[in-house]
Structures are given as structure tokens and as C-alpha cells.
Amino acid sequence: VPPLVELLKIQDNGIRELATAAVLTLSSAATNQPIIASSGAAPLLVQILKSGSVQGKVDAVTTLHNLSTGIENSIELLDASAVSPLINLLKDCKKYSKFAEKATSLLEILSNSEEGRIAISLADGGILTLVETVEDGS
């Protein structure tokens, strides 16, 4: 995991997204999730949410979702900087998709902190997007 985290720090988007895909694969195993969560990968995955390709963003959301289900205190995994890219991804995806469920699950975790709730309420179209997701989602 540490070499992959180092690759997530590289400025080359292609390398970062390949590393994201590798971390996603590893995050599928419950035994790897605490190791990845404690490695400092989460903030780097949030950076992929902000600036990655569509596939990179999907891989980052899925990885963060996997990590959030495998650690005890998932609120420590994310900070409020993840809200805006998650809201933007929700705006653009089908509200009933598995991807929307994962993004919404991450926003739910973020809403457990005051900082997260404020970021959601201040995000451009944040509340509307969540309402639409509830109305149109699964």
C-alpha cells in the first residue's frame, strides 16, 4: 500500500488513476481496508474526485465507499473538502445507480460532522441534488 500511496501523490494523472484502480482492487478485501484507511490514501483519493477522469472518479468513490464500510470510525476517513466533488458527481449521474448510492453514502458520513453539514448546505445545488437523489434514486 505505501508505494501506491506514493503514486497517488504524483502529478501525472494517468499514473494517479492507475494507482487508484490498484487501491480500489485492494480495498475490496476487508483485511486491506484498515491498512489503506490509515495510509493517508483518502485525501489523495478526494483529489482524484476533484480532478480525475470519469473512470478515476468512479474508482475513487468506490474505493472510499469500500473503506468507509470497513473501518470503525468512518467519519475520520473524509473531510468536508469531499462534499463539493461528490455533489457534482451526483448531479451528473443517474440517481438510481449503484454509483449514486455510494456517493450518497459518503455524503451521509460527511453529514455526521458539523463541518460536513455546513459544506453540504453551502455546496452549489447540494440540497437540491440530494432531494432529487432521494426522489429519483433506489
C-alpha atoms as a PDB file:
ATOM      1  CA  VAL A   1       0.000   0.000   0.000  1.00  0.00           C
ATOM      2  CA  PRO A   2       2.701   2.604   0.798  1.00  0.00           C
ATOM      3  CA  PRO A   3       4.146   2.532  -2.760  1.00  0.00           C
ATOM      4  CA  LEU A   4       0.636   3.000  -4.176  1.00  0.00           C
ATOM      5  CA  VAL A   5       0.037   5.961  -1.864  1.00  0.00           C
ATOM      6  CA  GLU A   6       3.275   7.471  -3.168  1.00  0.00           C
ATOM      7  CA  LEU A   7       1.993   7.003  -6.732  1.00  0.00           C
ATOM      8  CA  LEU A   8      -1.249   8.787  -5.772  1.00  0.00           C
ATOM      9  CA  LYS A   9       0.896  11.832  -4.935  1.00  0.00           C
ATOM     10  CA  ILE A  10       2.484  12.048  -8.395  1.00  0.00           C
ATOM     11  CA  GLN A  11       1.252  14.890 -10.609  1.00  0.00           C
ATOM     12  CA  ASP A  12       0.778  12.630 -13.653  1.00  0.00           C
ATOM     13  CA  ASN A  13      -2.982  11.959 -13.827  1.00  0.00           C
ATOM     14  CA  GLY A  14      -2.513   8.694 -15.707  1.00  0.00           C
ATOM     15  CA  ILE A  15      -0.261   7.243 -13.024  1.00  0.00           C
ATOM     16  CA  ARG A  16      -2.528   8.514 -10.243  1.00  0.00           C
ATOM     17  CA  GLU A  17      -5.563   6.911 -11.831  1.00  0.00           C
ATOM     18  CA  LEU A  18      -3.777   3.591 -12.331  1.00  0.00           C
ATOM     19  CA  ALA A  19      -2.761   3.708  -8.675  1.00  0.00           C
ATOM     20  CA  THR A  20      -6.380   4.497  -7.763  1.00  0.00           C
ATOM     21  CA  ALA A  21      -7.527   1.411  -9.666  1.00  0.00           C
ATOM     22  CA  ALA A  22      -4.961  -0.708  -7.809  1.00  0.00           C
ATOM     23  CA  VAL A  23      -6.043   0.692  -4.442  1.00  0.00           C
ATOM     24  CA  LEU A  24      -9.664   0.008  -5.413  1.00  0.00           C
ATOM     25  CA  THR A  25      -8.820  -3.621  -6.076  1.00  0.00           C
ATOM     26  CA  LEU A  26      -7.056  -3.929  -2.731  1.00  0.00           C
ATOM     27  CA  SER A  27      -9.903  -2.148  -0.910  1.00  0.00           C
ATOM     28  CA  SER A  28     -12.280  -4.909  -1.944  1.00  0.00           C
ATOM     29  CA  ALA A  29     -10.713  -7.186   0.689  1.00  0.00           C
ATOM     30  CA  ALA A  30     -11.833  -6.390   4.232  1.00  0.00           C
ATOM     31  CA  THR A  31      -8.386  -7.181   5.641  1.00  0.00           C
ATOM     32  CA  ASN A  32      -6.833  -4.446   3.495  1.00  0.00           C
ATOM     33  CA  GLN A  33      -9.330  -1.709   4.333  1.00  0.00           C
ATOM     34  CA  PRO A  34      -7.884  -0.582   7.707  1.00  0.00           C
ATOM     35  CA  ILE A  35      -4.370  -0.576   6.233  1.00  0.00           C
ATOM     36  CA  ILE A  36      -5.435   1.581   3.293  1.00  0.00           C
ATOM     37  CA  ALA A  37      -7.537   3.870   5.507  1.00  0.00           C
ATOM     38  CA  SER A  38      -4.601   4.504   7.831  1.00  0.00           C
ATOM     39  CA  SER A  39      -2.138   5.028   4.960  1.00  0.00           C
ATOM     40  CA  GLY A  40      -3.246   8.553   4.123  1.00  0.00           C
ATOM     41  CA  ALA A  41      -4.821   7.493   0.827  1.00  0.00           C
ATOM     42  CA  ALA A  42      -8.241   9.103   1.477  1.00  0.00           C
ATOM     43  CA  PRO A  43      -7.236  12.765   0.941  1.00  0.00           C
ATOM     44  CA  LEU A  44      -5.399  11.743  -2.218  1.00  0.00           C
ATOM     45  CA  LEU A  45      -8.498   9.929  -3.475  1.00  0.00           C
ATOM     46  CA  VAL A  46     -10.525  13.090  -2.814  1.00  0.00           C
ATOM     47  CA  GLN A  47      -8.065  14.902  -5.091  1.00  0.00           C
ATOM     48  CA  ILE A  48      -8.929  12.370  -7.813  1.00  0.00           C
ATOM     49  CA  LEU A  49     -12.618  13.222  -7.218  1.00  0.00           C
ATOM     50  CA  LYS A  50     -11.795  16.841  -7.942  1.00  0.00           C
ATOM     51  CA  SER A  51      -9.574  16.495 -10.989  1.00  0.00           C
ATOM     52  CA  GLY A  52      -9.572  12.955 -12.332  1.00  0.00           C
ATOM     53  CA  SER A  53     -11.150  11.428 -15.396  1.00  0.00           C
ATOM     54  CA  VAL A  54     -14.632   9.947 -15.182  1.00  0.00           C
ATOM     55  CA  GLN A  55     -13.162   6.470 -14.575  1.00  0.00           C
ATOM     56  CA  GLY A  56     -10.741   7.839 -11.983  1.00  0.00           C
ATOM     57  CA  LYS A  57     -13.613   9.499 -10.133  1.00  0.00           C
ATOM     58  CA  VAL A  58     -15.700   6.314 -10.219  1.00  0.00           C
ATOM     59  CA  ASP A  59     -12.741   4.317  -8.875  1.00  0.00           C
ATOM     60  CA  ALA A  60     -12.072   6.900  -6.147  1.00  0.00           C
ATOM     61  CA  VAL A  61     -15.721   6.936  -4.984  1.00  0.00           C
ATOM     62  CA  THR A  62     -15.863   3.158  -4.961  1.00  0.00           C
ATOM     63  CA  THR A  63     -12.587   2.918  -3.042  1.00  0.00           C
ATOM     64  CA  LEU A  64     -13.707   5.495  -0.461  1.00  0.00           C
ATOM     65  CA  HIS A  65     -17.022   3.667  -0.124  1.00  0.00           C
ATOM     66  CA  ASN A  66     -15.224   0.348   0.415  1.00  0.00           C
ATOM     67  CA  LEU A  67     -13.001   1.940   3.037  1.00  0.00           C
ATOM     68  CA  SER A  68     -15.940   3.562   4.823  1.00  0.00           C
ATOM     69  CA  THR A  69     -17.645   0.197   5.238  1.00  0.00           C
ATOM     70  CA  GLY A  70     -14.516  -1.472   6.568  1.00  0.00           C
ATOM     71  CA  ILE A  71     -13.376   0.837   9.331  1.00  0.00           C
ATOM     72  CA  GLU A  72     -14.922   1.586  12.682  1.00  0.00           C
ATOM     73  CA  ASN A  73     -14.934   5.384  12.631  1.00  0.00           C
ATOM     74  CA  SER A  74     -15.601   6.257   9.002  1.00  0.00           C
ATOM     75  CA  ILE A  75     -16.145   9.941   9.799  1.00  0.00           C
ATOM     76  CA  GLU A  76     -12.365  10.275  10.202  1.00  0.00           C
ATOM     77  CA  LEU A  77     -11.870   8.993   6.652  1.00  0.00           C
ATOM     78  CA  LEU A  78     -13.235  12.080   4.882  1.00  0.00           C
ATOM     79  CA  ASP A  79     -13.246  15.792   5.434  1.00  0.00           C
ATOM     80  CA  ALA A  80     -15.599  18.442   4.125  1.00  0.00           C
ATOM     81  CA  SER A  81     -13.439  19.046   1.041  1.00  0.00           C
ATOM     82  CA  ALA A  82     -15.008  15.892  -0.431  1.00  0.00           C
ATOM     83  CA  VAL A  83     -18.529  17.386  -0.382  1.00  0.00           C
ATOM     84  CA  SER A  84     -18.366  19.572  -3.475  1.00  0.00           C
ATOM     85  CA  PRO A  85     -16.915  16.935  -5.824  1.00  0.00           C
ATOM     86  CA  LEU A  86     -19.374  14.332  -4.505  1.00  0.00           C
ATOM     87  CA  ILE A  87     -22.316  16.682  -5.076  1.00  0.00           C
ATOM     88  CA  ASN A  88     -21.051  17.443  -8.586  1.00  0.00           C
ATOM     89  CA  LEU A  89     -20.757  13.740  -9.348  1.00  0.00           C
ATOM     90  CA  LEU A  90     -24.290  13.147  -8.058  1.00  0.00           C
ATOM     91  CA  LYS A  91     -25.618  15.928 -10.300  1.00  0.00           C
ATOM     92  CA  ASP A  92     -24.189  14.180 -13.354  1.00  0.00           C
ATOM     93  CA  CYS A  93     -25.059  10.545 -12.668  1.00  0.00           C
ATOM     94  CA  LYS A  94     -28.239   8.521 -12.820  1.00  0.00           C
ATOM     95  CA  LYS A  95     -29.854   8.939  -9.422  1.00  0.00           C
ATOM     96  CA  TYR A  96     -30.841   5.273  -9.200  1.00  0.00           C
ATOM     97  CA  SER A  97     -27.367   3.885  -9.996  1.00  0.00           C
ATOM     98  CA  LYS A  98     -25.067   1.992  -7.624  1.00  0.00           C
ATOM     99  CA  PHE A  99     -22.616   4.849  -8.106  1.00  0.00           C
ATOM    100  CA  ALA A 100     -25.183   7.350  -6.782  1.00  0.00           C
ATOM    101  CA  GLU A 101     -25.770   5.096  -3.767  1.00  0.00           C
ATOM    102  CA  LYS A 102     -22.049   5.034  -2.995  1.00  0.00           C
ATOM    103  CA  ALA A 103     -21.655   8.802  -3.397  1.00  0.00           C
ATOM    104  CA  THR A 104     -24.737   9.393  -1.237  1.00  0.00           C
ATOM    105  CA  SER A 105     -23.377   7.022   1.394  1.00  0.00           C
ATOM    106  CA  LEU A 106     -20.176   9.076   1.558  1.00  0.00           C
ATOM    107  CA  LEU A 107     -22.200  12.279   1.866  1.00  0.00           C
ATOM    108  CA  GLU A 108     -24.161  10.663   4.693  1.00  0.00           C
ATOM    109  CA  ILE A 109     -20.886  10.015   6.520  1.00  0.00           C
ATOM    110  CA  LEU A 110     -19.859  13.620   5.948  1.00  0.00           C
ATOM    111  CA  SER A 111     -23.204  14.841   7.285  1.00  0.00           C
ATOM    112  CA  ASN A 112     -22.305  13.352  10.675  1.00  0.00           C
ATOM    113  CA  SER A 113     -19.962  16.269  11.307  1.00  0.00           C
ATOM    114  CA  GLU A 114     -20.870  19.922  11.663  1.00  0.00           C
ATOM    115  CA  GLU A 115     -18.265  20.850   9.060  1.00  0.00           C
ATOM    116  CA  GLY A 116     -19.750  18.322   6.631  1.00  0.00           C
ATOM    117  CA  ARG A 117     -23.313  19.554   7.138  1.00  0.00           C
ATOM    118  CA  ILE A 118     -22.241  23.127   6.527  1.00  0.00           C
ATOM    119  CA  ALA A 119     -20.341  22.138   3.376  1.00  0.00           C
ATOM    120  CA  ILE A 120     -23.379  20.232   2.054  1.00  0.00           C
ATOM    121  CA  SER A 121     -25.711  23.141   2.719  1.00  0.00           C
ATOM    122  CA  LEU A 122     -23.312  25.608   1.081  1.00  0.00           C
ATOM    123  CA  ALA A 123     -22.470  23.456  -1.956  1.00  0.00           C
ATOM    124  CA  ASP A 124     -23.911  24.808  -5.190  1.00  0.00           C
ATOM    125  CA  GLY A 125     -27.115  22.832  -5.638  1.00  0.00           C
ATOM    126  CA  GLY A 126     -26.196  20.494  -2.791  1.00  0.00           C
ATOM    127  CA  ILE A 127     -29.554  20.205  -1.071  1.00  0.00           C
ATOM    128  CA  LEU A 128     -31.458  20.113  -4.376  1.00  0.00           C
ATOM    129  CA  THR A 129     -29.209  17.346  -5.683  1.00  0.00           C
ATOM    130  CA  LEU A 130     -29.755  15.280  -2.537  1.00  0.00           C
ATOM    131  CA  VAL A 131     -33.512  15.788  -2.745  1.00  0.00           C
ATOM    132  CA  GLU A 132     -33.511  14.725  -6.404  1.00  0.00           C
ATOM    133  CA  THR A 133     -31.436  11.674  -5.500  1.00  0.00           C
ATOM    134  CA  VAL A 134     -33.902  10.709  -2.776  1.00  0.00           C
ATOM    135  CA  GLU A 135     -36.859  11.244  -5.113  1.00  0.00           C
ATOM    136  CA  ASP A 136     -35.390   9.507  -8.160  1.00  0.00           C
ATOM    137  CA  GLY A 137     -32.997   7.052  -6.535  1.00  0.00           C
ATOM    138  CA  SER A 138     -33.435   3.476  -5.472  1.00  0.00           C
END
